[in-house]
Amino acid sequence: MDGRARSQAAAVVVAWEGGRIGASYADRAAAQGLAALTGITAAVHDGRGRLLDEQAWIVPPAPKSPAAPPAERGAAPVVTITTREDPAQFVRNMFTRLSPLFGRAQSRAGRVIRVVDPHGSLILVTAHSPRLRASETWVRPGLAGDYPYAAVVLPNASRR
């Protein structure tokens, strides 16, 4: 999958959607007895052709039941949360802040969570796909040192 985005934060969402599309195709191909799709790659570029994000996933076997329960059908949620908390403090404690809101109940479709400050400036974007057993997080530059898993943070578009 090749996608376009205006920023690294947007690239996280574009790559996540590409993974969802690939996983959906893999499930349908398996249900129809077609050749198995075993991997997905997503490359997201900006308007100038610079690589913003690149992801590769191994596609786990399709679920045993081809028909998902009603709660797992349809679009995955993209949720925007506004916080009044200091952005660095929120990033340091993001898991304890976000876990109570979503608990363990998740659809196979996954979710995207955007966190903004009171002025609407993006603090972080995190995308999770249970179907692909993968997640990715972008943290606003300057706050990445506060992110508990800084090794997976995309620092900026000039990283490649």
Foldseek 3Di string as FASTA:
>chain_A
DEEEDAFLQVVQVVFLVQVLVVLVVQLVCVVVVHDHDQKDKYWYAYPVRFTSDIDMFGQDHHDPDSDDPPVQDDAAEEEEAEDQDDLLVCQLVVCVVCCVVPPPDDHQSWYKYWYAYPVRHTAKIKTDHPRRRDIAMEGPAVSLVSHPCSVRYRRGRVPD
